[in-house]
Amino acid sequence: MATITSHVLDSVKGTHAAGIRITCFRRDESGSTTLLFDKMANEQGRIQESIVISNNSESNEIELVFYAADYFKSITQSDTHGQIMDTVVVRLKLNDSEGSYHVPVMLSPHSYSVWWSDSPKPA
């Protein structure tokens, strides 16, 4: 099984984005999606999930969705001041059925940064 991990950081507060919702979908060649998991990040803003992928499949594209607007609304308890980016969507092509894929994300209400690492941190 492949392992997907993420560490989400709140760049406004300078801390972890604890409790942010993250979903993961498998995308097939037609663009249709199948939900693989729907999680809330732990108190350190981390998730860790195992998923099944095939080394021989053309449909090893996954889509991670980070619900940024919901997160910022939950911590401010008010409108997010015209935030137009409700979600951050990251698409990955997974090539190793036993691989570890770590996708850290840094969020603010109006921007984000994302990168990839093959050195996952424990959730």
PDB file of N, CA and C in Angstrom:
ATOM      1  N   MET A   1       0.820  -1.182   0.000  1.00  0.00           N
ATOM      2  CA  MET A   1       0.000   0.000   0.000  1.00  0.00           C
ATOM      3  C   MET A   1       0.867   1.250   0.000  1.00  0.00           C
ATOM      4  N   ALA A   2       0.397   2.262  -0.676  1.00  0.00           N
ATOM      5  CA  ALA A   2       1.072   3.562  -0.657  1.00  0.00           C
ATOM      6  C   ALA A   2       0.577   4.344   0.558  1.00  0.00           C
ATOM      7  N   THR A   3       1.399   5.251   1.031  1.00  0.00           N
ATOM      8  CA  THR A   3       1.046   6.074   2.172  1.00  0.00           C
ATOM      9  C   THR A   3       1.017   7.537   1.763  1.00  0.00           C
ATOM     10  N   ILE A   4      -0.086   8.205   2.089  1.00  0.00           N
ATOM     11  CA  ILE A   4      -0.244   9.639   1.853  1.00  0.00           C
ATOM     12  C   ILE A   4      -0.202  10.317   3.216  1.00  0.00           C
ATOM     13  N   THR A   5       0.678  11.296   3.367  1.00  0.00           N
ATOM     14  CA  THR A   5       0.713  12.093   4.585  1.00  0.00           C
ATOM     15  C   THR A   5       0.705  13.564   4.206  1.00  0.00           C
ATOM     16  N   SER A   6       0.257  14.387   5.137  1.00  0.00           N
ATOM     17  CA  SER A   6       0.305  15.833   4.938  1.00  0.00           C
ATOM     18  C   SER A   6       0.456  16.514   6.279  1.00  0.00           C
ATOM     19  N   HIS A   7       1.100  17.647   6.251  1.00  0.00           N
ATOM     20  CA  HIS A   7       1.206  18.525   7.410  1.00  0.00           C
ATOM     21  C   HIS A   7       0.738  19.886   6.923  1.00  0.00           C
ATOM     22  N   VAL A   8      -0.378  20.367   7.471  1.00  0.00           N
ATOM     23  CA  VAL A   8      -0.962  21.632   7.033  1.00  0.00           C
ATOM     24  C   VAL A   8      -0.647  22.692   8.076  1.00  0.00           C
ATOM     25  N   LEU A   9      -0.086  23.796   7.593  1.00  0.00           N
ATOM     26  CA  LEU A   9       0.319  24.897   8.467  1.00  0.00           C
ATOM     27  C   LEU A   9      -0.527  26.133   8.188  1.00  0.00           C
ATOM     28  N   ASP A  10      -0.897  26.830   9.243  1.00  0.00           N
ATOM     29  CA  ASP A  10      -1.647  28.073   9.173  1.00  0.00           C
ATOM     30  C   ASP A  10      -0.634  29.209   9.235  1.00  0.00           C
ATOM     31  N   SER A  11      -0.392  29.881   8.104  1.00  0.00           N
ATOM     32  CA  SER A  11       0.634  30.923   8.083  1.00  0.00           C
ATOM     33  C   SER A  11       0.152  32.233   8.695  1.00  0.00           C
ATOM     34  N   VAL A  12      -1.136  32.370   8.975  1.00  0.00           N
ATOM     35  CA  VAL A  12      -1.648  33.557   9.659  1.00  0.00           C
ATOM     36  C   VAL A  12      -1.313  33.469  11.147  1.00  0.00           C
ATOM     37  N   LYS A  13      -1.643  32.326  11.759  1.00  0.00           N
ATOM     38  CA  LYS A  13      -1.382  32.143  13.181  1.00  0.00           C
ATOM     39  C   LYS A  13       0.037  31.653  13.452  1.00  0.00           C
ATOM     40  N   GLY A  14       0.706  31.154  12.427  1.00  0.00           N
ATOM     41  CA  GLY A  14       2.051  30.623  12.609  1.00  0.00           C
ATOM     42  C   GLY A  14       2.061  29.314  13.372  1.00  0.00           C
ATOM     43  N   THR A  15       1.077  28.468  13.099  1.00  0.00           N
ATOM     44  CA  THR A  15       0.957  27.205  13.818  1.00  0.00           C
ATOM     45  C   THR A  15       0.357  26.139  12.902  1.00  0.00           C
ATOM     46  N   HIS A  16       0.045  25.009  13.464  1.00  0.00           N
ATOM     47  CA  HIS A  16      -0.576  23.918  12.717  1.00  0.00           C
ATOM     48  C   HIS A  16      -2.029  24.249  12.409  1.00  0.00           C
ATOM     49  N   ALA A  17      -2.541  23.751  11.291  1.00  0.00           N
ATOM     50  CA  ALA A  17      -3.953  23.926  10.927  1.00  0.00           C
ATOM     51  C   ALA A  17      -4.744  22.737  11.480  1.00  0.00           C
ATOM     52  N   ALA A  18      -4.830  22.685  12.796  1.00  0.00           N
ATOM     53  CA  ALA A  18      -5.528  21.581  13.465  1.00  0.00           C
ATOM     54  C   ALA A  18      -6.993  21.567  13.055  1.00  0.00           C
ATOM     55  N   GLY A  19      -7.484  20.381  12.715  1.00  0.00           N
ATOM     56  CA  GLY A  19      -8.895  20.221  12.402  1.00  0.00           C
ATOM     57  C   GLY A  19      -9.314  20.551  10.991  1.00  0.00           C
ATOM     58  N   ILE A  20      -8.369  20.894  10.112  1.00  0.00           N
ATOM     59  CA  ILE A  20      -8.753  21.165   8.729  1.00  0.00           C
ATOM     60  C   ILE A  20      -9.221  19.868   8.070  1.00  0.00           C
ATOM     61  N   ARG A  21     -10.254  19.964   7.281  1.00  0.00           N
ATOM     62  CA  ARG A  21     -10.780  18.790   6.563  1.00  0.00           C
ATOM     63  C   ARG A  21      -9.977  18.571   5.287  1.00  0.00           C
ATOM     64  N   ILE A  22      -9.645  17.310   5.035  1.00  0.00           N
ATOM     65  CA  ILE A  22      -8.893  16.922   3.839  1.00  0.00           C
ATOM     66  C   ILE A  22      -9.570  15.689   3.248  1.00  0.00           C
ATOM     67  N   THR A  23      -9.876  15.755   1.963  1.00  0.00           N
ATOM     68  CA  THR A  23     -10.411  14.580   1.279  1.00  0.00           C
ATOM     69  C   THR A  23      -9.420  14.145   0.212  1.00  0.00           C
ATOM     70  N   CYS A  24      -9.520  12.888  -0.163  1.00  0.00           N
ATOM     71  CA  CYS A  24      -8.664  12.331  -1.203  1.00  0.00           C
ATOM     72  C   CYS A  24      -9.530  11.530  -2.160  1.00  0.00           C
ATOM     73  N   PHE A  25      -9.364  11.804  -3.442  1.00  0.00           N
ATOM     74  CA  PHE A  25     -10.119  11.119  -4.486  1.00  0.00           C
ATOM     75  C   PHE A  25      -9.166  10.477  -5.482  1.00  0.00           C
ATOM     76  N   ARG A  26      -9.548   9.337  -6.017  1.00  0.00           N
ATOM     77  CA  ARG A  26      -8.854   8.756  -7.162  1.00  0.00           C
ATOM     78  C   ARG A  26      -9.546   9.291  -8.406  1.00  0.00           C
ATOM     79  N   ARG A  27      -8.768   9.733  -9.391  1.00  0.00           N
ATOM     80  CA  ARG A  27      -9.313  10.228 -10.659  1.00  0.00           C
ATOM     81  C   ARG A  27      -9.041   9.199 -11.743  1.00  0.00           C
ATOM     82  N   ASP A  28     -10.060   8.859 -12.514  1.00  0.00           N
ATOM     83  CA  ASP A  28      -9.827   7.940 -13.621  1.00  0.00           C
ATOM     84  C   ASP A  28      -9.569   8.733 -14.906  1.00  0.00           C
ATOM     85  N   GLU A  29      -9.338   8.008 -15.980  1.00  0.00           N
ATOM     86  CA  GLU A  29      -8.976   8.643 -17.253  1.00  0.00           C
ATOM     87  C   GLU A  29     -10.041   9.612 -17.754  1.00  0.00           C
ATOM     88  N   SER A  30     -11.307   9.379 -17.391  1.00  0.00           N
ATOM     89  CA  SER A  30     -12.398  10.252 -17.857  1.00  0.00           C
ATOM     90  C   SER A  30     -12.558  11.488 -16.972  1.00  0.00           C
ATOM     91  N   GLY A  31     -11.836  11.539 -15.841  1.00  0.00           N
ATOM     92  CA  GLY A  31     -11.972  12.654 -14.905  1.00  0.00           C
ATOM     93  C   GLY A  31     -12.938  12.380 -13.776  1.00  0.00           C
ATOM     94  N   SER A  32     -13.595  11.208 -13.805  1.00  0.00           N
ATOM     95  CA  SER A  32     -14.488  10.831 -12.710  1.00  0.00           C
ATOM     96  C   SER A  32     -13.657  10.552 -11.462  1.00  0.00           C
ATOM     97  N   THR A  33     -14.254  10.793 -10.296  1.00  0.00           N
ATOM     98  CA  THR A  33     -13.525  10.608  -9.054  1.00  0.00           C
ATOM     99  C   THR A  33     -14.226   9.617  -8.133  1.00  0.00           C
ATOM    100  N   THR A  34     -13.415   8.959  -7.302  1.00  0.00           N
ATOM    101  CA  THR A  34     -13.895   8.044  -6.271  1.00  0.00           C
ATOM    102  C   THR A  34     -13.251   8.456  -4.959  1.00  0.00           C
ATOM    103  N   LEU A  35     -14.058   8.649  -3.923  1.00  0.00           N
ATOM    104  CA  LEU A  35     -13.538   9.053  -2.622  1.00  0.00           C
ATOM    105  C   LEU A  35     -12.705   7.932  -2.010  1.00  0.00           C
ATOM    106  N   LEU A  36     -11.476   8.262  -1.603  1.00  0.00           N
ATOM    107  CA  LEU A  36     -10.612   7.303  -0.909  1.00  0.00           C
ATOM    108  C   LEU A  36     -10.618   7.532   0.596  1.00  0.00           C
ATOM    109  N   PHE A  37     -10.621   8.806   1.013  1.00  0.00           N
ATOM    110  CA  PHE A  37     -10.762   9.114   2.432  1.00  0.00           C
ATOM    111  C   PHE A  37     -11.228  10.545   2.629  1.00  0.00           C
ATOM    112  N   ASP A  38     -11.785  10.784   3.806  1.00  0.00           N
ATOM    113  CA  ASP A  38     -12.292  12.092   4.224  1.00  0.00           C
ATOM    114  C   ASP A  38     -11.901  12.218   5.686  1.00  0.00           C
ATOM    115  N   LYS A  39     -10.924  13.082   5.986  1.00  0.00           N
ATOM    116  CA  LYS A  39     -10.352  13.149   7.333  1.00  0.00           C
ATOM    117  C   LYS A  39     -10.257  14.575   7.825  1.00  0.00           C
ATOM    118  N   MET A  40     -10.185  14.700   9.130  1.00  0.00           N
ATOM    119  CA  MET A  40      -9.850  15.961   9.778  1.00  0.00           C
ATOM    120  C   MET A  40      -8.407  15.812  10.271  1.00  0.00           C
ATOM    121  N   ALA A  41      -7.593  16.830  10.056  1.00  0.00           N
ATOM    122  CA  ALA A  41      -6.216  16.787  10.526  1.00  0.00           C
ATOM    123  C   ALA A  41      -6.192  16.771  12.055  1.00  0.00           C
ATOM    124  N   ASN A  42      -5.198  16.115  12.601  1.00  0.00           N
ATOM    125  CA  ASN A  42      -5.080  16.045  14.062  1.00  0.00           C
ATOM    126  C   ASN A  42      -4.635  17.395  14.631  1.00  0.00           C
ATOM    127  N   GLU A  43      -4.378  17.438  15.934  1.00  0.00           N
ATOM    128  CA  GLU A  43      -4.030  18.695  16.601  1.00  0.00           C
ATOM    129  C   GLU A  43      -2.717  19.287  16.100  1.00  0.00           C
ATOM    130  N   GLN A  44      -1.924  18.497  15.401  1.00  0.00           N
ATOM    131  CA  GLN A  44      -0.677  18.994  14.815  1.00  0.00           C
ATOM    132  C   GLN A  44      -0.837  19.285  13.327  1.00  0.00           C
ATOM    133  N   GLY A  45      -2.085  19.275  12.828  1.00  0.00           N
ATOM    134  CA  GLY A  45      -2.342  19.574  11.420  1.00  0.00           C
ATOM    135  C   GLY A  45      -1.891  18.474  10.480  1.00  0.00           C
ATOM    136  N   ARG A  46      -1.837  17.244  10.969  1.00  0.00           N
ATOM    137  CA  ARG A  46      -1.307  16.129  10.176  1.00  0.00           C
ATOM    138  C   ARG A  46      -2.372  15.074   9.882  1.00  0.00           C
ATOM    139  N   ILE A  47      -2.189  14.425   8.732  1.00  0.00           N
ATOM    140  CA  ILE A  47      -2.968  13.230   8.394  1.00  0.00           C
ATOM    141  C   ILE A  47      -1.999  12.169   7.898  1.00  0.00           C
ATOM    142  N   GLN A  48      -2.423  10.925   7.985  1.00  0.00           N
ATOM    143  CA  GLN A  48      -1.684   9.795   7.417  1.00  0.00           C
ATOM    144  C   GLN A  48      -2.701   8.738   7.027  1.00  0.00           C
ATOM    145  N   GLU A  49      -2.673   8.312   5.765  1.00  0.00           N
ATOM    146  CA  GLU A  49      -3.605   7.295   5.263  1.00  0.00           C
ATOM    147  C   GLU A  49      -2.872   6.374   4.300  1.00  0.00           C
ATOM    148  N   SER A  50      -3.259   5.124   4.309  1.00  0.00           N
ATOM    149  CA  SER A  50      -2.756   4.157   3.335  1.00  0.00           C
ATOM    150  C   SER A  50      -3.805   3.987   2.252  1.00  0.00           C
ATOM    151  N   ILE A  51      -3.348   3.920   1.002  1.00  0.00           N
ATOM    152  CA  ILE A  51      -4.259   3.704  -0.121  1.00  0.00           C
ATOM    153  C   ILE A  51      -3.664   2.656  -1.050  1.00  0.00           C
ATOM    154  N   VAL A  52      -4.521   1.993  -1.783  1.00  0.00           N
ATOM    155  CA  VAL A  52      -4.092   0.960  -2.725  1.00  0.00           C
ATOM    156  C   VAL A  52      -3.966   1.600  -4.100  1.00  0.00           C
ATOM    157  N   ILE A  53      -2.790   1.441  -4.697  1.00  0.00           N
ATOM    158  CA  ILE A  53      -2.580   1.851  -6.084  1.00  0.00           C
ATOM    159  C   ILE A  53      -1.887   0.710  -6.814  1.00  0.00           C
ATOM    160  N   SER A  54      -1.953   0.719  -8.128  1.00  0.00           N
ATOM    161  CA  SER A  54      -1.346  -0.325  -8.940  1.00  0.00           C
ATOM    162  C   SER A  54      -0.178   0.251  -9.715  1.00  0.00           C
ATOM    163  N   ASN A  55       0.925  -0.466  -9.740  1.00  0.00           N
ATOM    164  CA  ASN A  55       2.077  -0.009 -10.524  1.00  0.00           C
ATOM    165  C   ASN A  55       1.784  -0.003 -12.018  1.00  0.00           C
ATOM    166  N   ASN A  56       0.807  -0.770 -12.460  1.00  0.00           N
ATOM    167  CA  ASN A  56       0.536  -0.915 -13.890  1.00  0.00           C
ATOM    168  C   ASN A  56      -0.686  -0.140 -14.360  1.00  0.00           C
ATOM    169  N   SER A  57      -1.231   0.718 -13.525  1.00  0.00           N
ATOM    170  CA  SER A  57      -2.476   1.390 -13.865  1.00  0.00           C
ATOM    171  C   SER A  57      -2.236   2.789 -14.412  1.00  0.00           C
ATOM    172  N   GLU A  58      -3.075   3.177 -15.356  1.00  0.00           N
ATOM    173  CA  GLU A  58      -3.054   4.542 -15.868  1.00  0.00           C
ATOM    174  C   GLU A  58      -3.837   5.482 -14.956  1.00  0.00           C
ATOM    175  N   SER A  59      -4.576   4.934 -13.987  1.00  0.00           N
ATOM    176  CA  SER A  59      -5.449   5.760 -13.159  1.00  0.00           C
ATOM    177  C   SER A  59      -4.910   5.931 -11.744  1.00  0.00           C
ATOM    178  N   ASN A  60      -3.621   6.182 -11.618  1.00  0.00           N
ATOM    179  CA  ASN A  60      -3.015   6.401 -10.316  1.00  0.00           C
ATOM    180  C   ASN A  60      -2.926   7.882  -9.972  1.00  0.00           C
ATOM    181  N   GLU A  61      -3.803   8.675 -10.566  1.00  0.00           N
ATOM    182  CA  GLU A  61      -3.846  10.089 -10.215  1.00  0.00           C
ATOM    183  C   GLU A  61      -4.803  10.261  -9.040  1.00  0.00           C
ATOM    184  N   ILE A  62      -4.327  10.951  -8.030  1.00  0.00           N
ATOM    185  CA  ILE A  62      -5.194  11.253  -6.900  1.00  0.00           C
ATOM    186  C   ILE A  62      -5.313  12.766  -6.770  1.00  0.00           C
ATOM    187  N   GLU A  63      -6.349  13.156  -6.055  1.00  0.00           N
ATOM    188  CA  GLU A  63      -6.639  14.564  -5.841  1.00  0.00           C
ATOM    189  C   GLU A  63      -6.853  14.769  -4.349  1.00  0.00           C
ATOM    190  N   LEU A  64      -5.983  15.559  -3.730  1.00  0.00           N
ATOM    191  CA  LEU A  64      -6.148  15.939  -2.335  1.00  0.00           C
ATOM    192  C   LEU A  64      -6.858  17.284  -2.304  1.00  0.00           C
ATOM    193  N   VAL A  65      -7.887  17.401  -1.484  1.00  0.00           N
ATOM    194  CA  VAL A  65      -8.650  18.644  -1.373  1.00  0.00           C
ATOM    195  C   VAL A  65      -8.561  19.136   0.074  1.00  0.00           C
ATOM    196  N   PHE A  66      -8.041  20.344   0.246  1.00  0.00           N
ATOM    197  CA  PHE A  66      -7.895  20.980   1.553  1.00  0.00           C
ATOM    198  C   PHE A  66      -8.959  22.073   1.645  1.00  0.00           C
ATOM    199  N   TYR A  67      -9.830  21.985   2.645  1.00  0.00           N
ATOM    200  CA  TYR A  67     -10.979  22.885   2.759  1.00  0.00           C
ATOM    201  C   TYR A  67     -10.576  24.143   3.535  1.00  0.00           C
ATOM    202  N   ALA A  68      -9.878  25.040   2.841  1.00  0.00           N
ATOM    203  CA  ALA A  68      -9.281  26.228   3.449  1.00  0.00           C
ATOM    204  C   ALA A  68     -10.320  27.201   3.999  1.00  0.00           C
ATOM    205  N   ALA A  69     -11.354  27.536   3.230  1.00  0.00           N
ATOM    206  CA  ALA A  69     -12.345  28.516   3.694  1.00  0.00           C
ATOM    207  C   ALA A  69     -13.062  28.012   4.940  1.00  0.00           C
ATOM    208  N   ASP A  70     -13.450  26.745   4.959  1.00  0.00           N
ATOM    209  CA  ASP A  70     -14.110  26.182   6.135  1.00  0.00           C
ATOM    210  C   ASP A  70     -13.196  26.252   7.352  1.00  0.00           C
ATOM    211  N   TYR A  71     -11.908  25.952   7.142  1.00  0.00           N
ATOM    212  CA  TYR A  71     -10.949  26.001   8.243  1.00  0.00           C
ATOM    213  C   TYR A  71     -10.851  27.412   8.811  1.00  0.00           C
ATOM    214  N   PHE A  72     -10.616  28.412   7.948  1.00  0.00           N
ATOM    215  CA  PHE A  72     -10.450  29.776   8.451  1.00  0.00           C
ATOM    216  C   PHE A  72     -11.732  30.310   9.078  1.00  0.00           C
ATOM    217  N   LYS A  73     -12.876  29.940   8.534  1.00  0.00           N
ATOM    218  CA  LYS A  73     -14.142  30.354   9.129  1.00  0.00           C
ATOM    219  C   LYS A  73     -14.310  29.732  10.515  1.00  0.00           C
ATOM    220  N   SER A  74     -13.883  28.473  10.674  1.00  0.00           N
ATOM    221  CA  SER A  74     -14.032  27.802  11.970  1.00  0.00           C
ATOM    222  C   SER A  74     -13.146  28.416  13.053  1.00  0.00           C
ATOM    223  N   ILE A  75     -12.005  28.959  12.689  1.00  0.00           N
ATOM    224  CA  ILE A  75     -11.122  29.518  13.724  1.00  0.00           C
ATOM    225  C   ILE A  75     -11.397  30.985  13.996  1.00  0.00           C
ATOM    226  N   THR A  76     -12.030  31.687  13.036  1.00  0.00           N
ATOM    227  CA  THR A  76     -12.333  33.103  13.264  1.00  0.00           C
ATOM    228  C   THR A  76     -13.774  33.316  13.679  1.00  0.00           C
ATOM    229  N   GLN A  77     -14.643  32.304  13.440  1.00  0.00           N
ATOM    230  CA  GLN A  77     -16.068  32.382  13.742  1.00  0.00           C
ATOM    231  C   GLN A  77     -16.742  33.556  13.047  1.00  0.00           C
ATOM    232  N   SER A  78     -16.180  33.986  11.914  1.00  0.00           N
ATOM    233  CA  SER A  78     -16.785  35.078  11.156  1.00  0.00           C
ATOM    234  C   SER A  78     -16.457  34.896   9.685  1.00  0.00           C
ATOM    235  N   ASP A  79     -16.928  35.831   8.877  1.00  0.00           N
ATOM    236  CA  ASP A  79     -16.649  35.796   7.450  1.00  0.00           C
ATOM    237  C   ASP A  79     -15.138  35.844   7.235  1.00  0.00           C
ATOM    238  N   THR A  80     -14.672  35.222   6.176  1.00  0.00           N
ATOM    239  CA  THR A  80     -13.230  35.186   5.901  1.00  0.00           C
ATOM    240  C   THR A  80     -12.803  36.343   5.003  1.00  0.00           C
ATOM    241  N   HIS A  81     -13.483  37.476   5.096  1.00  0.00           N
ATOM    242  CA  HIS A  81     -13.103  38.718   4.430  1.00  0.00           C
ATOM    243  C   HIS A  81     -12.916  38.558   2.923  1.00  0.00           C
ATOM    244  N   GLY A  82     -13.931  38.027   2.281  1.00  0.00           N
ATOM    245  CA  GLY A  82     -13.902  37.932   0.829  1.00  0.00           C
ATOM    246  C   GLY A  82     -12.994  36.857   0.277  1.00  0.00           C
ATOM    247  N   GLN A  83     -12.696  35.879   1.070  1.00  0.00           N
ATOM    248  CA  GLN A  83     -11.844  34.789   0.593  1.00  0.00           C
ATOM    249  C   GLN A  83     -12.507  34.139  -0.616  1.00  0.00           C
ATOM    250  N   ILE A  84     -11.793  34.070  -1.743  1.00  0.00           N
ATOM    251  CA  ILE A  84     -12.364  33.486  -2.955  1.00  0.00           C
ATOM    252  C   ILE A  84     -11.857  32.069  -3.212  1.00  0.00           C
ATOM    253  N   MET A  85     -10.898  31.625  -2.427  1.00  0.00           N
ATOM    254  CA  MET A  85     -10.320  30.301  -2.607  1.00  0.00           C
ATOM    255  C   MET A  85     -10.881  29.375  -1.531  1.00  0.00           C
ATOM    256  N   ASP A  86     -12.000  28.709  -1.843  1.00  0.00           N
ATOM    257  CA  ASP A  86     -12.634  27.830  -0.859  1.00  0.00           C
ATOM    258  C   ASP A  86     -11.802  26.597  -0.558  1.00  0.00           C
ATOM    259  N   THR A  87     -11.212  26.034  -1.594  1.00  0.00           N
ATOM    260  CA  THR A  87     -10.425  24.812  -1.430  1.00  0.00           C
ATOM    261  C   THR A  87      -9.085  24.947  -2.134  1.00  0.00           C
ATOM    262  N   VAL A  88      -8.147  24.147  -1.681  1.00  0.00           N
ATOM    263  CA  VAL A  88      -6.868  23.980  -2.359  1.00  0.00           C
ATOM    264  C   VAL A  88      -6.871  22.542  -2.870  1.00  0.00           C
ATOM    265  N   VAL A  89      -6.706  22.374  -4.176  1.00  0.00           N
ATOM    266  CA  VAL A  89      -6.731  21.057  -4.796  1.00  0.00           C
ATOM    267  C   VAL A  89      -5.335  20.740  -5.318  1.00  0.00           C
ATOM    268  N   VAL A  90      -4.824  19.592  -4.898  1.00  0.00           N
ATOM    269  CA  VAL A  90      -3.494  19.141  -5.319  1.00  0.00           C
ATOM    270  C   VAL A  90      -3.663  17.802  -6.012  1.00  0.00           C
ATOM    271  N   ARG A  91      -3.242  17.724  -7.267  1.00  0.00           N
ATOM    272  CA  ARG A  91      -3.313  16.458  -8.017  1.00  0.00           C
ATOM    273  C   ARG A  91      -1.928  15.854  -8.114  1.00  0.00           C
ATOM    274  N   LEU A  92      -1.875  14.560  -7.821  1.00  0.00           N
ATOM    275  CA  LEU A  92      -0.614  13.824  -7.825  1.00  0.00           C
ATOM    276  C   LEU A  92      -0.745  12.571  -8.666  1.00  0.00           C
ATOM    277  N   LYS A  93       0.302  12.217  -9.374  1.00  0.00           N
ATOM    278  CA  LYS A  93       0.380  10.951 -10.094  1.00  0.00           C
ATOM    279  C   LYS A  93       1.283  10.045  -9.274  1.00  0.00           C
ATOM    280  N   LEU A  94       0.717   8.999  -8.690  1.00  0.00           N
ATOM    281  CA  LEU A  94       1.463   8.085  -7.835  1.00  0.00           C
ATOM    282  C   LEU A  94       1.977   6.927  -8.669  1.00  0.00           C
ATOM    283  N   ASN A  95       3.279   6.727  -8.655  1.00  0.00           N
ATOM    284  CA  ASN A  95       3.892   5.716  -9.510  1.00  0.00           C
ATOM    285  C   ASN A  95       4.393   4.485  -8.765  1.00  0.00           C
ATOM    286  N   ASP A  96       4.441   4.547  -7.445  1.00  0.00           N
ATOM    287  CA  ASP A  96       4.988   3.451  -6.653  1.00  0.00           C
ATOM    288  C   ASP A  96       3.912   2.937  -5.696  1.00  0.00           C
ATOM    289  N   SER A  97       3.476   1.697  -5.891  1.00  0.00           N
ATOM    290  CA  SER A  97       2.391   1.143  -5.072  1.00  0.00           C
ATOM    291  C   SER A  97       2.776   0.991  -3.601  1.00  0.00           C
ATOM    292  N   GLU A  98       4.065   1.080  -3.282  1.00  0.00           N
ATOM    293  CA  GLU A  98       4.529   0.991  -1.899  1.00  0.00           C
ATOM    294  C   GLU A  98       5.139   2.317  -1.443  1.00  0.00           C
ATOM    295  N   GLY A  99       4.972   3.355  -2.244  1.00  0.00           N
ATOM    296  CA  GLY A  99       5.616   4.640  -1.973  1.00  0.00           C
ATOM    297  C   GLY A  99       5.000   5.410  -0.821  1.00  0.00           C
ATOM    298  N   SER A 100       5.802   6.335  -0.309  1.00  0.00           N
ATOM    299  CA  SER A 100       5.352   7.273   0.716  1.00  0.00           C
ATOM    300  C   SER A 100       5.331   8.658   0.094  1.00  0.00           C
ATOM    301  N   TYR A 101       4.181   9.303   0.146  1.00  0.00           N
ATOM    302  CA  TYR A 101       3.991  10.605  -0.487  1.00  0.00           C
ATOM    303  C   TYR A 101       3.585  11.610   0.587  1.00  0.00           C
ATOM    304  N   HIS A 102       4.479  12.548   0.888  1.00  0.00           N
ATOM    305  CA  HIS A 102       4.225  13.562   1.909  1.00  0.00           C
ATOM    306  C   HIS A 102       3.985  14.892   1.203  1.00  0.00           C
ATOM    307  N   VAL A 103       2.823  15.507   1.484  1.00  0.00           N
ATOM    308  CA  VAL A 103       2.416  16.733   0.795  1.00  0.00           C
ATOM    309  C   VAL A 103       2.128  17.815   1.840  1.00  0.00           C
ATOM    310  N   PRO A 104       3.146  18.577   2.247  1.00  0.00           N
ATOM    311  CA  PRO A 104       2.908  19.683   3.179  1.00  0.00           C
ATOM    312  C   PRO A 104       2.234  20.858   2.459  1.00  0.00           C
ATOM    313  N   VAL A 105       1.384  21.573   3.202  1.00  0.00           N
ATOM    314  CA  VAL A 105       0.683  22.736   2.659  1.00  0.00           C
ATOM    315  C   VAL A 105       0.737  23.849   3.688  1.00  0.00           C
ATOM    316  N   MET A 106       1.039  25.070   3.230  1.00  0.00           N
ATOM    317  CA  MET A 106       0.995  26.248   4.073  1.00  0.00           C
ATOM    318  C   MET A 106      -0.134  27.131   3.567  1.00  0.00           C
ATOM    319  N   LEU A 107      -1.086  27.474   4.458  1.00  0.00           N
ATOM    320  CA  LEU A 107      -2.299  28.194   4.065  1.00  0.00           C
ATOM    321  C   LEU A 107      -2.417  29.556   4.707  1.00  0.00           C
ATOM    322  N   SER A 108      -3.003  30.474   3.975  1.00  0.00           N
ATOM    323  CA  SER A 108      -3.553  31.716   4.515  1.00  0.00           C
ATOM    324  C   SER A 108      -4.889  31.903   3.808  1.00  0.00           C
ATOM    325  N   PRO A 109      -5.707  32.869   4.212  1.00  0.00           N
ATOM    326  CA  PRO A 109      -6.989  33.036   3.522  1.00  0.00           C
ATOM    327  C   PRO A 109      -6.861  33.409   2.043  1.00  0.00           C
ATOM    328  N   HIS A 110      -5.704  33.928   1.637  1.00  0.00           N
ATOM    329  CA  HIS A 110      -5.569  34.419   0.266  1.00  0.00           C
ATOM    330  C   HIS A 110      -4.419  33.806  -0.522  1.00  0.00           C
ATOM    331  N   SER A 111      -3.761  32.793   0.052  1.00  0.00           N
ATOM    332  CA  SER A 111      -2.661  32.163  -0.679  1.00  0.00           C
ATOM    333  C   SER A 111      -2.351  30.798  -0.071  1.00  0.00           C
ATOM    334  N   TYR A 112      -1.541  30.055  -0.795  1.00  0.00           N
ATOM    335  CA  TYR A 112      -1.072  28.773  -0.278  1.00  0.00           C
ATOM    336  C   TYR A 112       0.232  28.409  -0.963  1.00  0.00           C
ATOM    337  N   SER A 113       0.991  27.529  -0.304  1.00  0.00           N
ATOM    338  CA  SER A 113       2.184  26.905  -0.873  1.00  0.00           C
ATOM    339  C   SER A 113       2.062  25.424  -0.633  1.00  0.00           C
ATOM    340  N   VAL A 114       2.510  24.654  -1.606  1.00  0.00           N
ATOM    341  CA  VAL A 114       2.463  23.202  -1.478  1.00  0.00           C
ATOM    342  C   VAL A 114       3.759  22.645  -2.065  1.00  0.00           C
ATOM    343  N   TRP A 115       4.237  21.570  -1.504  1.00  0.00           N
ATOM    344  CA  TRP A 115       5.409  20.899  -2.039  1.00  0.00           C
ATOM    345  C   TRP A 115       5.288  19.423  -1.752  1.00  0.00           C
ATOM    346  N   TRP A 116       6.198  18.647  -2.256  1.00  0.00           N
ATOM    347  CA  TRP A 116       6.153  17.199  -2.110  1.00  0.00           C
ATOM    348  C   TRP A 116       7.463  16.728  -1.522  1.00  0.00           C
ATOM    349  N   SER A 117       7.390  15.702  -0.697  1.00  0.00           N
ATOM    350  CA  SER A 117       8.567  15.102  -0.081  1.00  0.00           C
ATOM    351  C   SER A 117       8.344  13.603  -0.013  1.00  0.00           C
ATOM    352  N   ASP A 118       9.401  12.824  -0.117  1.00  0.00           N
ATOM    353  CA  ASP A 118       9.257  11.389   0.039  1.00  0.00           C
ATOM    354  C   ASP A 118       9.659  10.943   1.433  1.00  0.00           C
ATOM    355  N   SER A 119       9.716  11.882   2.371  1.00  0.00           N
ATOM    356  CA  SER A 119      10.055  11.571   3.752  1.00  0.00           C
ATOM    357  C   SER A 119       8.900  11.930   4.662  1.00  0.00           C
ATOM    358  N   PRO A 120       7.903  11.037   4.768  1.00  0.00           N
ATOM    359  CA  PRO A 120       6.722  11.372   5.561  1.00  0.00           C
ATOM    360  C   PRO A 120       7.034  11.485   7.047  1.00  0.00           C
ATOM    361  N   LYS A 121       6.284  12.330   7.715  1.00  0.00           N
ATOM    362  CA  LYS A 121       6.353  12.476   9.167  1.00  0.00           C
ATOM    363  C   LYS A 121       5.182  11.706   9.770  1.00  0.00           C
ATOM    364  N   PRO A 122       5.356  11.122  10.924  1.00  0.00           N
ATOM    365  CA  PRO A 122       4.246  10.364  11.517  1.00  0.00           C
ATOM    366  C   PRO A 122       3.080  11.278  11.869  1.00  0.00           C
ATOM    367  N   ALA A 123       1.877  10.770  11.676  1.00  0.00           N
ATOM    368  CA  ALA A 123       0.665  11.548  12.010  1.00  0.00           C
ATOM    369  C   ALA A 123       0.379  11.478  13.488  1.00  0.00           C
TER     370      ALA A 123
END
